[in-house]
Amino acid sequence: MIEFINDVEKRLIKTTVDPMIMFEEEPLMMFVAIRAVSESGFDLHGTIYNAILKKEGLLANVSTDSVREELEAVITAEYAGKGLKMLIGTGLIRHIVGTELAANMSKYAKSELVGLAENIDKTKRVRARRLGLFYLCFEKKEALEAIKMLNFDAETKGLLIDAATIFDKINFLANTFELKQFIVRHGIERYEYLHNLSKAKRIVYDLDDTKIKSRNFLMDYIEERGEPVFLEELDVDRYDIINNGIAGEEKVDEILSVLLELVHEYPQKNTKKILLAHAQKHANNPVSAVFQKMPRWLR
């Protein structure tokens, strides 16, 4: 493979061959050139930059996997911001987010991308987190379409979809009950990803950190008091419910869910005696299930 060379004195990335010919033979080298920028912090020699402007259309024939790998390399490099600016300036970004989105990018998205490029280097070089920051620059529908384009592995794709669809929800977690419910519904790993993504976004855009501090306080409060969050932390299990004749297999999961919500709101009730009594009351009340599913403010 033809390699780029660094002119340290002039802080330029050069090549010993005609870049026009190089890109015609190996279009992916356009992305490789920008990766070199993000890794070194140097600028592209004018001949390389101009050749990218003229030949970027050839990238339509490059595999999705190769484009994704180059994006990840650029966005996790030491000078990711410079590489991101280059992706935008050369038009290569359309091969990452799609031609239509790139051509009709909203003022909001453009502004967010500029802010990201200016400050992404201040954040930790965590792959999924920086990718999340990138896709947060777009509206939900646009982000989902762009994420789908690059064929990410299932785990990364799931995190990025969370960033696009439920990221804002963590800012509305006002108390320990709501935080516990969110964690049970989405999982601790997904919550921690979104929480850390929120911290990174605050750094990039110099946002207020009140809600981040609030979530930290709530989590510390839960952990310091050992308050139950997950089903396995209940003082009863499915066998207690079944063996005490309260419910059979078909109802036990519903009852455990009710008990978990109860101790999320009242941690002190996490005792076998109280939980079995509550489980029996729920099982005996035909409208209990409907009541429990109502929004808490309507109860």
Protein backbone atom coordinates (compact mmCIF):
# COMPACT_ATOMS: atom_id res chain seq x y z
CA MET A 1 0.00 0.00 0.00
CA ILE A 2 1.20 3.51 -0.82
CA GLU A 3 1.89 5.44 2.36
CA PHE A 4 1.73 9.10 3.15
CA ILE A 5 4.78 10.82 4.56
CA ASN A 6 4.99 13.55 7.18
CA ASP A 7 6.94 16.69 6.45
CA VAL A 8 7.68 17.53 10.08
CA GLU A 9 9.31 20.86 9.35
CA LYS A 10 6.31 22.16 7.38
CA ARG A 11 3.79 20.08 9.35
CA LEU A 12 2.37 18.73 6.11
CA ILE A 13 1.27 15.30 4.96
CA LYS A 14 2.62 14.54 1.50
CA THR A 15 2.83 11.64 -0.89
CA THR A 16 5.59 10.70 -3.35
CA VAL A 17 3.11 9.91 -6.12
CA ASP A 18 0.44 11.87 -7.94
CA PRO A 19 -2.54 11.85 -5.52
CA MET A 20 -4.98 12.01 -8.44
CA ILE A 21 -3.66 8.69 -9.74
CA MET A 22 -3.44 7.24 -6.21
CA PHE A 23 -7.07 7.98 -5.45
CA GLU A 24 -8.22 6.61 -8.80
CA GLU A 25 -6.44 3.33 -8.05
CA GLU A 26 -7.31 3.20 -4.34
CA PRO A 27 -10.18 5.55 -3.46
CA LEU A 28 -10.04 4.53 0.21
CA MET A 29 -6.72 6.34 0.45
CA MET A 30 -8.70 9.58 0.65
CA PHE A 31 -9.98 8.48 4.03
CA VAL A 32 -6.52 7.22 4.96
CA ALA A 33 -5.13 10.69 4.22
CA ILE A 34 -7.61 12.28 6.61
CA ARG A 35 -6.87 9.64 9.20
CA ALA A 36 -3.21 10.71 8.93
CA VAL A 37 -4.32 14.27 9.68
CA SER A 38 -6.22 13.18 12.78
CA GLU A 39 -3.29 11.11 14.01
CA SER A 40 -0.52 13.66 13.41
CA GLY A 41 -2.26 17.02 13.64
CA PHE A 42 -0.55 18.01 10.37
CA ASP A 43 -2.28 19.54 7.34
CA LEU A 44 -2.71 17.91 3.96
CA HIS A 45 -0.52 19.15 1.16
CA GLY A 46 -2.64 21.20 -1.26
CA THR A 47 -2.28 18.65 -4.06
CA ILE A 48 -3.75 15.92 -1.86
CA TYR A 49 -6.59 18.11 -0.62
CA ASN A 50 -7.53 19.23 -4.13
CA ALA A 51 -7.34 15.67 -5.42
CA ILE A 52 -9.82 14.58 -2.73
CA LEU A 53 -12.21 17.35 -3.77
CA LYS A 54 -12.10 16.10 -7.36
CA LYS A 55 -12.11 12.36 -6.73
CA GLU A 56 -14.31 11.86 -3.63
CA GLY A 57 -17.12 10.51 -5.79
CA LEU A 58 -15.05 7.35 -6.31
CA LEU A 59 -15.67 6.44 -2.68
CA ALA A 60 -19.15 5.29 -3.67
CA ASN A 61 -17.50 2.02 -4.67
CA VAL A 62 -15.67 1.51 -1.37
CA SER A 63 -17.07 -1.03 1.11
CA THR A 64 -19.20 0.15 4.02
CA ASP A 65 -16.95 -1.69 6.46
CA SER A 66 -13.89 0.21 5.22
CA VAL A 67 -15.64 3.57 5.54
CA ARG A 68 -16.79 2.71 9.08
CA GLU A 69 -13.29 1.64 10.12
CA GLU A 70 -11.79 4.86 8.82
CA LEU A 71 -14.41 6.99 10.58
CA GLU A 72 -13.69 5.19 13.85
CA ALA A 73 -9.95 5.69 13.35
CA VAL A 74 -10.40 9.40 12.68
CA ILE A 75 -12.81 10.08 15.52
CA THR A 76 -10.72 8.29 18.17
CA ALA A 77 -7.38 9.78 17.16
CA GLU A 78 -5.45 12.41 19.13
CA TYR A 79 -6.41 15.22 16.74
CA ALA A 80 -9.90 13.98 15.94
CA GLY A 81 -11.27 17.51 15.68
CA LYS A 82 -8.92 18.37 12.84
CA GLY A 83 -9.81 15.16 11.04
CA LEU A 84 -13.52 15.83 11.49
CA LYS A 85 -13.13 19.31 10.03
CA MET A 86 -11.37 17.75 7.05
CA LEU A 87 -14.15 15.20 6.54
CA ILE A 88 -16.65 18.06 6.42
CA GLY A 89 -14.53 20.39 4.30
CA THR A 90 -13.71 17.81 1.63
CA GLY A 91 -17.25 16.47 1.41
CA LEU A 92 -16.23 12.98 2.49
CA ILE A 93 -18.83 13.20 5.23
CA ARG A 94 -21.51 12.32 2.68
CA HIS A 95 -20.06 8.83 2.46
CA ILE A 96 -20.54 8.56 6.24
CA VAL A 97 -24.03 10.03 6.72
CA GLY A 98 -25.49 9.80 3.23
CA THR A 99 -25.59 12.20 0.29
CA GLU A 100 -29.08 13.53 1.04
CA LEU A 101 -28.34 14.37 4.67
CA ALA A 102 -24.99 15.93 3.79
CA ALA A 103 -26.54 18.05 1.05
CA ASN A 104 -29.52 19.21 3.13
CA MET A 105 -27.93 19.53 6.52
CA SER A 106 -29.83 21.79 8.88
CA LYS A 107 -28.30 24.85 10.52
CA TYR A 108 -28.60 22.99 13.82
CA ALA A 109 -26.58 20.02 12.57
CA LYS A 110 -23.94 22.25 11.00
CA SER A 111 -23.58 24.23 14.21
CA GLU A 112 -23.36 21.07 16.32
CA LEU A 113 -20.72 19.58 14.02
CA VAL A 114 -18.64 22.74 14.16
CA GLY A 115 -18.79 22.70 17.96
CA LEU A 116 -17.89 19.02 18.03
CA ALA A 117 -14.92 19.50 15.72
CA GLU A 118 -13.67 22.38 17.87
CA ASN A 119 -13.82 20.53 21.16
CA ILE A 120 -13.97 16.76 20.67
CA ASP A 121 -10.27 16.50 21.52
CA LYS A 122 -11.11 17.55 25.09
CA THR A 123 -13.08 14.33 25.61
CA LYS A 124 -11.80 10.87 26.40
CA ARG A 125 -10.89 8.81 23.36
CA VAL A 126 -13.64 6.25 23.89
CA ARG A 127 -14.90 4.88 20.58
CA ALA A 128 -18.63 4.45 21.25
CA ARG A 129 -18.78 7.68 23.22
CA ARG A 130 -17.21 9.79 20.49
CA LEU A 131 -19.37 8.12 17.85
CA GLY A 132 -22.36 8.98 20.00
CA LEU A 133 -21.27 12.61 20.09
CA PHE A 134 -21.06 12.57 16.30
CA TYR A 135 -24.56 11.20 15.76
CA LEU A 136 -26.05 13.51 18.41
CA CYS A 137 -25.33 16.34 15.99
CA PHE A 138 -28.32 15.24 13.92
CA GLU A 139 -32.05 15.00 14.50
CA LYS A 140 -33.38 11.62 15.56
CA LYS A 141 -34.60 10.38 12.16
CA GLU A 142 -31.47 11.57 10.39
CA ALA A 143 -29.21 10.00 12.98
CA LEU A 144 -30.96 6.64 12.79
CA GLU A 145 -30.63 6.55 9.01
CA ALA A 146 -26.96 7.51 9.19
CA ILE A 147 -26.24 4.90 11.87
CA LYS A 148 -27.88 2.23 9.73
CA MET A 149 -25.61 3.13 6.80
CA LEU A 150 -22.35 1.97 8.36
CA ASN A 151 -23.31 -1.51 9.54
CA PHE A 152 -21.94 -1.22 13.08
CA ASP A 153 -21.67 -4.31 15.26
CA ALA A 154 -24.82 -5.05 17.26
CA GLU A 155 -23.53 -3.68 20.57
CA THR A 156 -22.27 -0.40 19.12
CA LYS A 157 -25.37 0.03 16.98
CA GLY A 158 -27.55 -0.42 20.06
CA LEU A 159 -25.65 2.24 21.98
CA LEU A 160 -25.79 4.69 19.08
CA ILE A 161 -29.52 4.12 18.65
CA ASP A 162 -29.91 4.84 22.37
CA ALA A 163 -28.00 8.09 21.84
CA ALA A 164 -30.35 9.05 19.02
CA THR A 165 -33.60 8.02 20.70
CA ILE A 166 -33.44 8.12 24.52
CA PHE A 167 -30.44 10.31 25.32
CA ASP A 168 -32.57 13.25 26.45
CA LYS A 169 -34.64 11.08 28.79
CA ILE A 170 -31.86 10.80 31.37
CA ASN A 171 -32.10 14.56 31.89
CA PHE A 172 -35.62 14.10 33.26
CA LEU A 173 -34.69 11.57 35.95
CA ALA A 174 -35.64 13.65 38.98
CA ASN A 175 -35.44 11.16 41.85
CA THR A 176 -34.14 7.75 42.88
CA PHE A 177 -37.38 6.01 41.89
CA GLU A 178 -37.17 7.27 38.32
CA LEU A 179 -33.46 6.47 38.09
CA LYS A 180 -34.02 2.90 39.31
CA GLN A 181 -36.91 2.41 36.89
CA PHE A 182 -34.78 3.66 33.98
CA ILE A 183 -31.90 1.36 34.90
CA VAL A 184 -34.18 -1.69 35.16
CA ARG A 185 -35.89 -0.86 31.88
CA HIS A 186 -32.72 -0.19 29.88
CA GLY A 187 -29.90 -1.86 31.83
CA ILE A 188 -27.04 -0.38 33.83
CA GLU A 189 -24.59 -0.54 30.90
CA ARG A 190 -26.87 1.50 28.66
CA TYR A 191 -27.52 4.00 31.43
CA GLU A 192 -23.80 4.42 32.12
CA TYR A 193 -23.14 4.92 28.41
CA LEU A 194 -25.75 7.67 28.17
CA HIS A 195 -24.59 9.27 31.42
CA ASN A 196 -20.97 9.37 30.24
CA LEU A 197 -22.10 10.60 26.84
CA SER A 198 -23.91 13.42 28.62
CA LYS A 199 -20.71 14.34 30.46
CA ALA A 200 -18.78 14.35 27.19
CA LYS A 201 -21.40 16.53 25.51
CA ARG A 202 -21.18 18.99 28.40
CA ILE A 203 -17.44 19.29 27.80
CA VAL A 204 -17.81 19.76 24.04
CA TYR A 205 -20.52 22.43 24.20
CA ASP A 206 -19.69 23.93 27.62
CA LEU A 207 -23.14 23.07 29.00
CA ASP A 208 -24.47 23.36 32.53
CA ASP A 209 -23.67 20.26 34.59
CA THR A 210 -26.49 20.50 37.13
CA LYS A 211 -28.37 17.45 35.83
CA ILE A 212 -25.17 15.40 35.65
CA LYS A 213 -24.39 16.24 39.26
CA SER A 214 -27.97 15.40 40.21
CA ARG A 215 -27.71 11.93 38.66
CA ASN A 216 -24.36 11.38 40.37
CA PHE A 217 -25.97 12.33 43.68
CA LEU A 218 -28.93 10.01 43.12
CA MET A 219 -26.69 7.09 42.16
CA ASP A 220 -24.43 7.67 45.16
CA TYR A 221 -27.49 7.84 47.41
CA ILE A 222 -28.75 4.49 46.10
CA GLU A 223 -25.37 2.80 46.41
CA GLU A 224 -24.50 4.16 49.85
CA ARG A 225 -27.79 2.93 51.27
CA GLY A 226 -27.73 -0.35 49.41
CA GLU A 227 -31.19 0.29 47.99
CA PRO A 228 -32.45 -2.52 45.73
CA VAL A 229 -32.52 -1.87 42.01
CA PHE A 230 -32.76 -5.27 40.31
CA LEU A 231 -35.08 -8.26 40.78
CA GLU A 232 -32.32 -10.38 42.28
CA GLU A 233 -32.00 -7.82 45.10
CA LEU A 234 -35.56 -8.39 46.29
CA ASP A 235 -35.88 -10.27 49.58
CA VAL A 236 -38.19 -12.74 47.80
CA ASP A 237 -37.87 -14.64 44.55
CA ARG A 238 -40.20 -16.46 42.18
CA TYR A 239 -40.03 -19.65 44.26
CA ASP A 240 -41.21 -17.80 47.37
CA ILE A 241 -44.24 -16.58 45.44
CA ILE A 242 -45.02 -20.02 44.01
CA ASN A 243 -44.26 -22.09 47.11
CA ASN A 244 -46.45 -19.84 49.28
CA GLY A 245 -49.35 -20.51 46.93
CA ILE A 246 -49.67 -16.86 45.94
CA ALA A 247 -49.40 -17.38 42.18
CA GLY A 248 -48.33 -19.88 39.55
CA GLU A 249 -45.74 -19.59 36.81
CA GLU A 250 -48.09 -17.59 34.60
CA LYS A 251 -48.42 -14.73 37.12
CA VAL A 252 -45.18 -14.75 39.08
CA ASP A 253 -43.22 -12.40 36.79
CA GLU A 254 -46.01 -9.81 36.90
CA ILE A 255 -46.07 -9.95 40.69
CA LEU A 256 -42.27 -9.65 40.98
CA SER A 257 -42.42 -6.60 38.73
CA VAL A 258 -44.99 -5.02 41.04
CA LEU A 259 -42.83 -5.80 44.08
CA LEU A 260 -39.77 -4.31 42.45
CA GLU A 261 -41.61 -1.08 41.73
CA LEU A 262 -42.77 -1.04 45.34
CA VAL A 263 -39.24 -1.27 46.76
CA HIS A 264 -37.96 1.22 44.21
CA GLU A 265 -40.29 3.73 45.84
CA TYR A 266 -40.09 2.38 49.39
CA PRO A 267 -36.73 0.60 49.89
CA GLN A 268 -37.53 -0.08 53.56
CA LYS A 269 -40.28 -2.47 52.46
CA ASN A 270 -37.77 -4.93 51.03
CA THR A 271 -38.45 -7.63 53.61
CA LYS A 272 -39.87 -11.07 52.95
CA LYS A 273 -42.86 -10.54 55.26
CA ILE A 274 -43.92 -7.25 53.69
CA LEU A 275 -43.30 -8.39 50.12
CA LEU A 276 -45.22 -11.66 50.49
CA ALA A 277 -48.13 -9.78 52.01
CA HIS A 278 -48.10 -7.27 49.18
CA ALA A 279 -47.83 -10.08 46.63
CA GLN A 280 -50.88 -11.79 48.14
CA LYS A 281 -52.85 -8.54 48.10
CA HIS A 282 -51.98 -8.01 44.46
CA ALA A 283 -52.92 -11.57 43.54
CA ASN A 284 -56.28 -11.28 45.30
CA ASN A 285 -57.22 -7.93 43.74
CA PRO A 286 -58.50 -8.26 40.15
CA VAL A 287 -57.98 -4.53 39.44
CA SER A 288 -54.56 -4.35 41.06
CA ALA A 289 -52.66 -5.03 37.86
CA VAL A 290 -54.46 -2.23 36.05
CA PHE A 291 -53.86 0.13 38.95
CA GLN A 292 -50.15 -0.68 39.12
CA LYS A 293 -49.71 0.08 35.41
CA MET A 294 -51.25 3.54 35.73
CA PRO A 295 -48.91 6.54 35.74
CA ARG A 296 -47.91 7.25 39.34
CA TRP A 297 -49.38 10.76 39.23
CA LEU A 298 -52.84 9.29 38.52
CA ARG A 299 -52.85 6.91 41.47
